[in-house]
Amino acid sequence: MLFALLCKDKPNALQIRMDTRPTHLEHLQAMNGEGTLKMAGPFLDDAGNPNGSLLIVEAPDAAAARAIAEADPYAKAGLFEAIEVRPFRWTINNPDA
């Protein structure tokens, strides 16, 4: 099942994000290689700076999806103020459909 991970950065945490980004990207590449990650990218503020993340992951249930989110280097670095886990149905432009 697919889940959307909506991750909101803490205020004034851009430096944490930038410092952790290389490790985060390595982590995402590993997830991609395993087939767990379907898509990912940052949310942006009005100035174009990243201030959150959206990941679409495949997991057996919401608890497993939350564990995926909490294993992200950004989460481990304390970047996120909140993580929302929501079931997701990829209807349009799904390459697997």
PDB file of N, CA and C in Angstrom:
ATOM      1  N   MET A   1       0.843  -1.164   0.000  1.00  0.00           N
ATOM      2  CA  MET A   1       0.000   0.000   0.000  1.00  0.00           C
ATOM      3  C   MET A   1       0.897   1.238   0.000  1.00  0.00           C
ATOM      4  N   LEU A   2       0.409   2.291  -0.661  1.00  0.00           N
ATOM      5  CA  LEU A   2       1.172   3.538  -0.696  1.00  0.00           C
ATOM      6  C   LEU A   2       0.748   4.470   0.428  1.00  0.00           C
ATOM      7  N   PHE A   3       1.728   5.238   0.913  1.00  0.00           N
ATOM      8  CA  PHE A   3       1.483   6.237   1.944  1.00  0.00           C
ATOM      9  C   PHE A   3       2.203   7.519   1.573  1.00  0.00           C
ATOM     10  N   ALA A   4       1.548   8.635   1.833  1.00  0.00           N
ATOM     11  CA  ALA A   4       2.180   9.946   1.698  1.00  0.00           C
ATOM     12  C   ALA A   4       2.721  10.335   3.068  1.00  0.00           C
ATOM     13  N   LEU A   5       3.988  10.705   3.098  1.00  0.00           N
ATOM     14  CA  LEU A   5       4.618  11.204   4.321  1.00  0.00           C
ATOM     15  C   LEU A   5       4.772  12.703   4.147  1.00  0.00           C
ATOM     16  N   LEU A   6       4.012  13.474   4.900  1.00  0.00           N
ATOM     17  CA  LEU A   6       4.056  14.930   4.843  1.00  0.00           C
ATOM     18  C   LEU A   6       4.822  15.415   6.062  1.00  0.00           C
ATOM     19  N   CYS A   7       6.001  15.928   5.817  1.00  0.00           N
ATOM     20  CA  CYS A   7       6.917  16.290   6.899  1.00  0.00           C
ATOM     21  C   CYS A   7       7.108  17.799   6.909  1.00  0.00           C
ATOM     22  N   LYS A   8       6.786  18.412   8.027  1.00  0.00           N
ATOM     23  CA  LYS A   8       6.908  19.861   8.181  1.00  0.00           C
ATOM     24  C   LYS A   8       8.154  20.182   8.992  1.00  0.00           C
ATOM     25  N   ASP A   9       9.014  21.048   8.444  1.00  0.00           N
ATOM     26  CA  ASP A   9      10.220  21.449   9.154  1.00  0.00           C
ATOM     27  C   ASP A   9       9.888  22.342  10.346  1.00  0.00           C
ATOM     28  N   LYS A  10      10.740  22.270  11.354  1.00  0.00           N
ATOM     29  CA  LYS A  10      10.652  23.218  12.463  1.00  0.00           C
ATOM     30  C   LYS A  10      10.993  24.614  11.939  1.00  0.00           C
ATOM     31  N   PRO A  11      10.470  25.658  12.562  1.00  0.00           N
ATOM     32  CA  PRO A  11      10.835  27.022  12.144  1.00  0.00           C
ATOM     33  C   PRO A  11      12.348  27.244  12.278  1.00  0.00           C
ATOM     34  N   ASN A  12      12.898  27.999  11.358  1.00  0.00           N
ATOM     35  CA  ASN A  12      14.306  28.398  11.389  1.00  0.00           C
ATOM     36  C   ASN A  12      15.265  27.209  11.421  1.00  0.00           C
ATOM     37  N   ALA A  13      14.905  26.137  10.701  1.00  0.00           N
ATOM     38  CA  ALA A  13      15.726  24.927  10.727  1.00  0.00           C
ATOM     39  C   ALA A  13      16.388  24.648   9.378  1.00  0.00           C
ATOM     40  N   LEU A  14      16.483  25.652   8.526  1.00  0.00           N
ATOM     41  CA  LEU A  14      17.067  25.440   7.206  1.00  0.00           C
ATOM     42  C   LEU A  14      18.494  24.910   7.291  1.00  0.00           C
ATOM     43  N   GLN A  15      19.270  25.375   8.267  1.00  0.00           N
ATOM     44  CA  GLN A  15      20.655  24.917   8.369  1.00  0.00           C
ATOM     45  C   GLN A  15      20.731  23.424   8.715  1.00  0.00           C
ATOM     46  N   ILE A  16      19.818  22.953   9.562  1.00  0.00           N
ATOM     47  CA  ILE A  16      19.768  21.519   9.873  1.00  0.00           C
ATOM     48  C   ILE A  16      19.510  20.742   8.589  1.00  0.00           C
ATOM     49  N   ARG A  17      18.568  21.225   7.796  1.00  0.00           N
ATOM     50  CA  ARG A  17      18.235  20.577   6.532  1.00  0.00           C
ATOM     51  C   ARG A  17      19.455  20.540   5.613  1.00  0.00           C
ATOM     52  N   MET A  18      20.128  21.657   5.466  1.00  0.00           N
ATOM     53  CA  MET A  18      21.254  21.721   4.540  1.00  0.00           C
ATOM     54  C   MET A  18      22.427  20.845   5.029  1.00  0.00           C
ATOM     55  N   ASP A  19      22.669  20.851   6.328  1.00  0.00           N
ATOM     56  CA  ASP A  19      23.763  20.044   6.880  1.00  0.00           C
ATOM     57  C   ASP A  19      23.501  18.541   6.727  1.00  0.00           C
ATOM     58  N   THR A  20      22.234  18.144   6.789  1.00  0.00           N
ATOM     59  CA  THR A  20      21.850  16.736   6.776  1.00  0.00           C
ATOM     60  C   THR A  20      21.521  16.241   5.366  1.00  0.00           C
ATOM     61  N   ARG A  21      21.407  17.133   4.415  1.00  0.00           N
ATOM     62  CA  ARG A  21      20.938  16.791   3.076  1.00  0.00           C
ATOM     63  C   ARG A  21      21.730  15.665   2.403  1.00  0.00           C
ATOM     64  N   PRO A  22      23.060  15.661   2.419  1.00  0.00           N
ATOM     65  CA  PRO A  22      23.776  14.564   1.747  1.00  0.00           C
ATOM     66  C   PRO A  22      23.400  13.183   2.305  1.00  0.00           C
ATOM     67  N   THR A  23      23.309  13.068   3.612  1.00  0.00           N
ATOM     68  CA  THR A  23      22.938  11.797   4.237  1.00  0.00           C
ATOM     69  C   THR A  23      21.494  11.432   3.901  1.00  0.00           C
ATOM     70  N   HIS A  24      20.628  12.434   3.907  1.00  0.00           N
ATOM     71  CA  HIS A  24      19.221  12.231   3.554  1.00  0.00           C
ATOM     72  C   HIS A  24      19.110  11.687   2.128  1.00  0.00           C
ATOM     73  N   LEU A  25      19.827  12.297   1.182  1.00  0.00           N
ATOM     74  CA  LEU A  25      19.764  11.852  -0.211  1.00  0.00           C
ATOM     75  C   LEU A  25      20.310  10.437  -0.381  1.00  0.00           C
ATOM     76  N   GLU A  26      21.364  10.085   0.331  1.00  0.00           N
ATOM     77  CA  GLU A  26      21.874   8.712   0.304  1.00  0.00           C
ATOM     78  C   GLU A  26      20.815   7.733   0.811  1.00  0.00           C
ATOM     79  N   HIS A  27      20.140   8.134   1.876  1.00  0.00           N
ATOM     80  CA  HIS A  27      19.078   7.300   2.450  1.00  0.00           C
ATOM     81  C   HIS A  27      17.955   7.099   1.428  1.00  0.00           C
ATOM     82  N   LEU A  28      17.551   8.171   0.756  1.00  0.00           N
ATOM     83  CA  LEU A  28      16.481   8.063  -0.239  1.00  0.00           C
ATOM     84  C   LEU A  28      16.906   7.185  -1.412  1.00  0.00           C
ATOM     85  N   GLN A  29      18.159   7.303  -1.834  1.00  0.00           N
ATOM     86  CA  GLN A  29      18.644   6.462  -2.929  1.00  0.00           C
ATOM     87  C   GLN A  29      18.597   4.983  -2.535  1.00  0.00           C
ATOM     88  N   ALA A  30      18.939   4.674  -1.297  1.00  0.00           N
ATOM     89  CA  ALA A  30      18.858   3.295  -0.820  1.00  0.00           C
ATOM     90  C   ALA A  30      17.409   2.800  -0.826  1.00  0.00           C
ATOM     91  N   MET A  31      16.494   3.646  -0.357  1.00  0.00           N
ATOM     92  CA  MET A  31      15.068   3.287  -0.381  1.00  0.00           C
ATOM     93  C   MET A  31      14.586   3.085  -1.813  1.00  0.00           C
ATOM     94  N   ASN A  32      15.059   3.926  -2.717  1.00  0.00           N
ATOM     95  CA  ASN A  32      14.688   3.812  -4.117  1.00  0.00           C
ATOM     96  C   ASN A  32      15.169   2.481  -4.685  1.00  0.00           C
ATOM     97  N   GLY A  33      16.391   2.110  -4.357  1.00  0.00           N
ATOM     98  CA  GLY A  33      16.942   0.841  -4.817  1.00  0.00           C
ATOM     99  C   GLY A  33      16.177  -0.363  -4.307  1.00  0.00           C
ATOM    100  N   GLU A  34      15.604  -0.233  -3.116  1.00  0.00           N
ATOM    101  CA  GLU A  34      14.806  -1.317  -2.525  1.00  0.00           C
ATOM    102  C   GLU A  34      13.386  -1.357  -3.092  1.00  0.00           C
ATOM    103  N   GLY A  35      12.976  -0.286  -3.784  1.00  0.00           N
ATOM    104  CA  GLY A  35      11.618  -0.205  -4.308  1.00  0.00           C
ATOM    105  C   GLY A  35      10.615   0.376  -3.329  1.00  0.00           C
ATOM    106  N   THR A  36      11.085   0.835  -2.166  1.00  0.00           N
ATOM    107  CA  THR A  36      10.197   1.400  -1.147  1.00  0.00           C
ATOM    108  C   THR A  36       9.757   2.817  -1.499  1.00  0.00           C
ATOM    109  N   LEU A  37      10.678   3.605  -2.039  1.00  0.00           N
ATOM    110  CA  LEU A  37      10.404   5.007  -2.365  1.00  0.00           C
ATOM    111  C   LEU A  37       9.812   5.103  -3.756  1.00  0.00           C
ATOM    112  N   LYS A  38       8.680   5.777  -3.872  1.00  0.00           N
ATOM    113  CA  LYS A  38       8.042   5.988  -5.172  1.00  0.00           C
ATOM    114  C   LYS A  38       8.317   7.382  -5.717  1.00  0.00           C
ATOM    115  N   MET A  39       8.346   8.374  -4.853  1.00  0.00           N
ATOM    116  CA  MET A  39       8.704   9.738  -5.239  1.00  0.00           C
ATOM    117  C   MET A  39       8.983  10.548  -3.988  1.00  0.00           C
ATOM    118  N   ALA A  40       9.728  11.647  -4.164  1.00  0.00           N
ATOM    119  CA  ALA A  40      10.054  12.494  -3.018  1.00  0.00           C
ATOM    120  C   ALA A  40      10.480  13.866  -3.504  1.00  0.00           C
ATOM    121  N   GLY A  41      10.299  14.844  -2.643  1.00  0.00           N
ATOM    122  CA  GLY A  41      10.763  16.188  -2.929  1.00  0.00           C
ATOM    123  C   GLY A  41      10.390  17.122  -1.802  1.00  0.00           C
ATOM    124  N   PRO A  42      11.009  18.327  -1.808  1.00  0.00           N
ATOM    125  CA  PRO A  42      10.753  19.279  -0.733  1.00  0.00           C
ATOM    126  C   PRO A  42       9.549  20.173  -1.022  1.00  0.00           C
ATOM    127  N   PHE A  43       8.921  20.615   0.055  1.00  0.00           N
ATOM    128  CA  PHE A  43       7.994  21.740  -0.021  1.00  0.00           C
ATOM    129  C   PHE A  43       8.843  23.000   0.022  1.00  0.00           C
ATOM    130  N   LEU A  44       8.350  24.087  -0.564  1.00  0.00           N
ATOM    131  CA  LEU A  44       9.105  25.332  -0.616  1.00  0.00           C
ATOM    132  C   LEU A  44       8.314  26.473   0.005  1.00  0.00           C
ATOM    133  N   ASP A  45       9.045  27.415   0.631  1.00  0.00           N
ATOM    134  CA  ASP A  45       8.398  28.622   1.147  1.00  0.00           C
ATOM    135  C   ASP A  45       8.317  29.662   0.019  1.00  0.00           C
ATOM    136  N   ASP A  46       7.807  30.837   0.322  1.00  0.00           N
ATOM    137  CA  ASP A  46       7.633  31.886  -0.692  1.00  0.00           C
ATOM    138  C   ASP A  46       8.945  32.341  -1.317  1.00  0.00           C
ATOM    139  N   ALA A  47      10.042  32.168  -0.613  1.00  0.00           N
ATOM    140  CA  ALA A  47      11.356  32.566  -1.133  1.00  0.00           C
ATOM    141  C   ALA A  47      12.033  31.431  -1.906  1.00  0.00           C
ATOM    142  N   GLY A  48      11.371  30.265  -1.984  1.00  0.00           N
ATOM    143  CA  GLY A  48      11.934  29.134  -2.700  1.00  0.00           C
ATOM    144  C   GLY A  48      12.828  28.248  -1.865  1.00  0.00           C
ATOM    145  N   ASN A  49      12.865  28.481  -0.562  1.00  0.00           N
ATOM    146  CA  ASN A  49      13.675  27.644   0.335  1.00  0.00           C
ATOM    147  C   ASN A  49      12.864  26.436   0.797  1.00  0.00           C
ATOM    148  N   PRO A  50      13.504  25.265   0.908  1.00  0.00           N
ATOM    149  CA  PRO A  50      12.776  24.092   1.382  1.00  0.00           C
ATOM    150  C   PRO A  50      12.352  24.266   2.835  1.00  0.00           C
ATOM    151  N   ASN A  51      11.111  23.816   3.115  1.00  0.00           N
ATOM    152  CA  ASN A  51      10.602  23.925   4.482  1.00  0.00           C
ATOM    153  C   ASN A  51       9.787  22.703   4.899  1.00  0.00           C
ATOM    154  N   GLY A  52       9.973  21.618   4.173  1.00  0.00           N
ATOM    155  CA  GLY A  52       9.270  20.380   4.480  1.00  0.00           C
ATOM    156  C   GLY A  52       9.553  19.369   3.392  1.00  0.00           C
ATOM    157  N   SER A  53       8.993  18.193   3.552  1.00  0.00           N
ATOM    158  CA  SER A  53       9.225  17.122   2.591  1.00  0.00           C
ATOM    159  C   SER A  53       7.948  16.354   2.324  1.00  0.00           C
ATOM    160  N   LEU A  54       7.830  15.864   1.085  1.00  0.00           N
ATOM    161  CA  LEU A  54       6.772  14.940   0.708  1.00  0.00           C
ATOM    162  C   LEU A  54       7.433  13.695   0.162  1.00  0.00           C
ATOM    163  N   LEU A  55       7.104  12.553   0.743  1.00  0.00           N
ATOM    164  CA  LEU A  55       7.579  11.275   0.235  1.00  0.00           C
ATOM    165  C   LEU A  55       6.371  10.390   0.009  1.00  0.00           C
ATOM    166  N   ILE A  56       6.385   9.651  -1.078  1.00  0.00           N
ATOM    167  CA  ILE A  56       5.405   8.609  -1.308  1.00  0.00           C
ATOM    168  C   ILE A  56       6.166   7.296  -1.193  1.00  0.00           C
ATOM    169  N   VAL A  57       5.731   6.458  -0.251  1.00  0.00           N
ATOM    170  CA  VAL A  57       6.428   5.208   0.017  1.00  0.00           C
ATOM    171  C   VAL A  57       5.452   4.044  -0.029  1.00  0.00           C
ATOM    172  N   GLU A  58       6.002   2.872  -0.283  1.00  0.00           N
ATOM    173  CA  GLU A  58       5.212   1.649  -0.214  1.00  0.00           C
ATOM    174  C   GLU A  58       5.535   0.957   1.099  1.00  0.00           C
ATOM    175  N   ALA A  59       4.489   0.620   1.837  1.00  0.00           N
ATOM    176  CA  ALA A  59       4.649  -0.027   3.142  1.00  0.00           C
ATOM    177  C   ALA A  59       3.423  -0.895   3.406  1.00  0.00           C
ATOM    178  N   PRO A  60       3.559  -1.913   4.250  1.00  0.00           N
ATOM    179  CA  PRO A  60       2.420  -2.795   4.513  1.00  0.00           C
ATOM    180  C   PRO A  60       1.287  -2.126   5.300  1.00  0.00           C
ATOM    181  N   ASP A  61       1.636  -1.132   6.111  1.00  0.00           N
ATOM    182  CA  ASP A  61       0.612  -0.451   6.907  1.00  0.00           C
ATOM    183  C   ASP A  61       1.148   0.900   7.386  1.00  0.00           C
ATOM    184  N   ALA A  62       0.262   1.667   8.039  1.00  0.00           N
ATOM    185  CA  ALA A  62       0.627   3.016   8.479  1.00  0.00           C
ATOM    186  C   ALA A  62       1.763   3.002   9.497  1.00  0.00           C
ATOM    187  N   ALA A  63       1.797   2.006  10.360  1.00  0.00           N
ATOM    188  CA  ALA A  63       2.866   1.939  11.358  1.00  0.00           C
ATOM    189  C   ALA A  63       4.221   1.748  10.674  1.00  0.00           C
ATOM    190  N   ALA A  64       4.268   0.921   9.656  1.00  0.00           N
ATOM    191  CA  ALA A  64       5.513   0.717   8.914  1.00  0.00           C
ATOM    192  C   ALA A  64       5.902   1.977   8.154  1.00  0.00           C
ATOM    193  N   ALA A  65       4.916   2.687   7.613  1.00  0.00           N
ATOM    194  CA  ALA A  65       5.197   3.946   6.913  1.00  0.00           C
ATOM    195  C   ALA A  65       5.754   4.978   7.884  1.00  0.00           C
ATOM    196  N   ARG A  66       5.197   5.048   9.084  1.00  0.00           N
ATOM    197  CA  ARG A  66       5.716   5.981  10.091  1.00  0.00           C
ATOM    198  C   ARG A  66       7.149   5.607  10.471  1.00  0.00           C
ATOM    199  N   ALA A  67       7.430   4.331  10.585  1.00  0.00           N
ATOM    200  CA  ALA A  67       8.796   3.899  10.896  1.00  0.00           C
ATOM    201  C   ALA A  67       9.763   4.317   9.795  1.00  0.00           C
ATOM    202  N   ILE A  68       9.318   4.267   8.547  1.00  0.00           N
ATOM    203  CA  ILE A  68      10.141   4.738   7.429  1.00  0.00           C
ATOM    204  C   ILE A  68      10.434   6.223   7.600  1.00  0.00           C
ATOM    205  N   ALA A  69       9.410   6.994   7.929  1.00  0.00           N
ATOM    206  CA  ALA A  69       9.592   8.444   8.116  1.00  0.00           C
ATOM    207  C   ALA A  69      10.554   8.734   9.257  1.00  0.00           C
ATOM    208  N   GLU A  70      10.418   8.008  10.348  1.00  0.00           N
ATOM    209  CA  GLU A  70      11.251   8.257  11.520  1.00  0.00           C
ATOM    210  C   GLU A  70      12.692   7.804  11.323  1.00  0.00           C
ATOM    211  N   ALA A  71      12.936   6.919  10.337  1.00  0.00           N
ATOM    212  CA  ALA A  71      14.294   6.469  10.040  1.00  0.00           C
ATOM    213  C   ALA A  71      15.044   7.437   9.132  1.00  0.00           C
ATOM    214  N   ASP A  72      14.345   8.408   8.575  1.00  0.00           N
ATOM    215  CA  ASP A  72      14.972   9.390   7.681  1.00  0.00           C
ATOM    216  C   ASP A  72      15.997  10.209   8.466  1.00  0.00           C
ATOM    217  N   PRO A  73      17.172  10.441   7.890  1.00  0.00           N
ATOM    218  CA  PRO A  73      18.168  11.268   8.574  1.00  0.00           C
ATOM    219  C   PRO A  73      17.650  12.648   8.983  1.00  0.00           C
ATOM    220  N   TYR A  74      16.749  13.231   8.216  1.00  0.00           N
ATOM    221  CA  TYR A  74      16.161  14.517   8.615  1.00  0.00           C
ATOM    222  C   TYR A  74      15.409  14.369   9.931  1.00  0.00           C
ATOM    223  N   ALA A  75      14.618  13.315  10.066  1.00  0.00           N
ATOM    224  CA  ALA A  75      13.873  13.090  11.305  1.00  0.00           C
ATOM    225  C   ALA A  75      14.839  12.851  12.466  1.00  0.00           C
ATOM    226  N   LYS A  76      15.861  12.051  12.223  1.00  0.00           N
ATOM    227  CA  LYS A  76      16.836  11.758  13.275  1.00  0.00           C
ATOM    228  C   LYS A  76      17.608  13.001  13.708  1.00  0.00           C
ATOM    229  N   ALA A  77      17.783  13.957  12.792  1.00  0.00           N
ATOM    230  CA  ALA A  77      18.491  15.199  13.113  1.00  0.00           C
ATOM    231  C   ALA A  77      17.593  16.209  13.821  1.00  0.00           C
ATOM    232  N   GLY A  78      16.316  15.882  13.976  1.00  0.00           N
ATOM    233  CA  GLY A  78      15.395  16.794  14.649  1.00  0.00           C
ATOM    234  C   GLY A  78      14.854  17.891  13.765  1.00  0.00           C
ATOM    235  N   LEU A  79      14.897  17.703  12.446  1.00  0.00           N
ATOM    236  CA  LEU A  79      14.434  18.739  11.522  1.00  0.00           C
ATOM    237  C   LEU A  79      12.924  18.917  11.548  1.00  0.00           C
ATOM    238  N   PHE A  80      12.183  17.837  11.681  1.00  0.00           N
ATOM    239  CA  PHE A  80      10.743  17.900  11.493  1.00  0.00           C
ATOM    240  C   PHE A  80       9.991  18.315  12.755  1.00  0.00           C
ATOM    241  N   GLU A  81       9.079  19.249  12.563  1.00  0.00           N
ATOM    242  CA  GLU A  81       8.142  19.644  13.613  1.00  0.00           C
ATOM    243  C   GLU A  81       6.997  18.640  13.703  1.00  0.00           C
ATOM    244  N   ALA A  82       6.592  18.114  12.546  1.00  0.00           N
ATOM    245  CA  ALA A  82       5.480  17.165  12.491  1.00  0.00           C
ATOM    246  C   ALA A  82       5.644  16.257  11.281  1.00  0.00           C
ATOM    247  N   ILE A  83       5.169  15.032  11.434  1.00  0.00           N
ATOM    248  CA  ILE A  83       5.119  14.069  10.342  1.00  0.00           C
ATOM    249  C   ILE A  83       3.699  13.527  10.283  1.00  0.00           C
ATOM    250  N   GLU A  84       3.077  13.698   9.136  1.00  0.00           N
ATOM    251  CA  GLU A  84       1.738  13.158   8.917  1.00  0.00           C
ATOM    252  C   GLU A  84       1.862  11.986   7.950  1.00  0.00           C
ATOM    253  N   VAL A  85       1.227  10.876   8.287  1.00  0.00           N
ATOM    254  CA  VAL A  85       1.237   9.676   7.455  1.00  0.00           C
ATOM    255  C   VAL A  85      -0.193   9.458   6.966  1.00  0.00           C
ATOM    256  N   ARG A  86      -0.353   9.439   5.623  1.00  0.00           N
ATOM    257  CA  ARG A  86      -1.698   9.289   5.058  1.00  0.00           C
ATOM    258  C   ARG A  86      -1.688   8.245   3.952  1.00  0.00           C
ATOM    259  N   PRO A  87      -2.670   7.327   3.950  1.00  0.00           N
ATOM    260  CA  PRO A  87      -2.791   6.389   2.840  1.00  0.00           C
ATOM    261  C   PRO A  87      -2.979   7.170   1.537  1.00  0.00           C
ATOM    262  N   PHE A  88      -2.424   6.631   0.456  1.00  0.00           N
ATOM    263  CA  PHE A  88      -2.411   7.357  -0.812  1.00  0.00           C
ATOM    264  C   PHE A  88      -2.711   6.405  -1.960  1.00  0.00           C
ATOM    265  N   ARG A  89      -3.584   6.833  -2.864  1.00  0.00           N
ATOM    266  CA  ARG A  89      -3.860   6.068  -4.073  1.00  0.00           C
ATOM    267  C   ARG A  89      -3.368   6.876  -5.264  1.00  0.00           C
ATOM    268  N   TRP A  90      -2.370   6.361  -5.947  1.00  0.00           N
ATOM    269  CA  TRP A  90      -1.770   7.031  -7.108  1.00  0.00           C
ATOM    270  C   TRP A  90      -2.632   6.706  -8.320  1.00  0.00           C
ATOM    271  N   THR A  91      -3.441   7.672  -8.733  1.00  0.00           N
ATOM    272  CA  THR A  91      -4.427   7.448  -9.781  1.00  0.00           C
ATOM    273  C   THR A  91      -3.945   7.939 -11.147  1.00  0.00           C
ATOM    274  N   ILE A  92      -3.423   9.139 -11.211  1.00  0.00           N
ATOM    275  CA  ILE A  92      -3.030   9.752 -12.472  1.00  0.00           C
ATOM    276  C   ILE A  92      -1.502   9.693 -12.614  1.00  0.00           C
ATOM    277  N   ASN A  93      -1.029   9.313 -13.790  1.00  0.00           N
ATOM    278  CA  ASN A  93       0.393   9.232 -14.118  1.00  0.00           C
ATOM    279  C   ASN A  93       1.170   8.224 -13.282  1.00  0.00           C
ATOM    280  N   ASN A  94       0.487   7.214 -12.789  1.00  0.00           N
ATOM    281  CA  ASN A  94       1.175   6.152 -12.054  1.00  0.00           C
ATOM    282  C   ASN A  94       1.897   5.265 -13.064  1.00  0.00           C
ATOM    283  N   PRO A  95       3.228   5.200 -13.001  1.00  0.00           N
ATOM    284  CA  PRO A  95       3.959   4.392 -13.984  1.00  0.00           C
ATOM    285  C   PRO A  95       3.691   2.899 -13.854  1.00  0.00           C
ATOM    286  N   ASP A  96       3.167   2.444 -12.721  1.00  0.00           N
ATOM    287  CA  ASP A  96       2.877   1.033 -12.525  1.00  0.00           C
ATOM    288  C   ASP A  96       1.477   0.642 -12.988  1.00  0.00           C
ATOM    289  N   ALA A  97       0.661   1.648 -13.341  1.00  0.00           N
ATOM    290  CA  ALA A  97      -0.741   1.359 -13.720  1.00  0.00           C
ATOM    291  C   ALA A  97      -0.817   0.891 -15.168  1.00  0.00           C
TER     292      ALA A  97
END
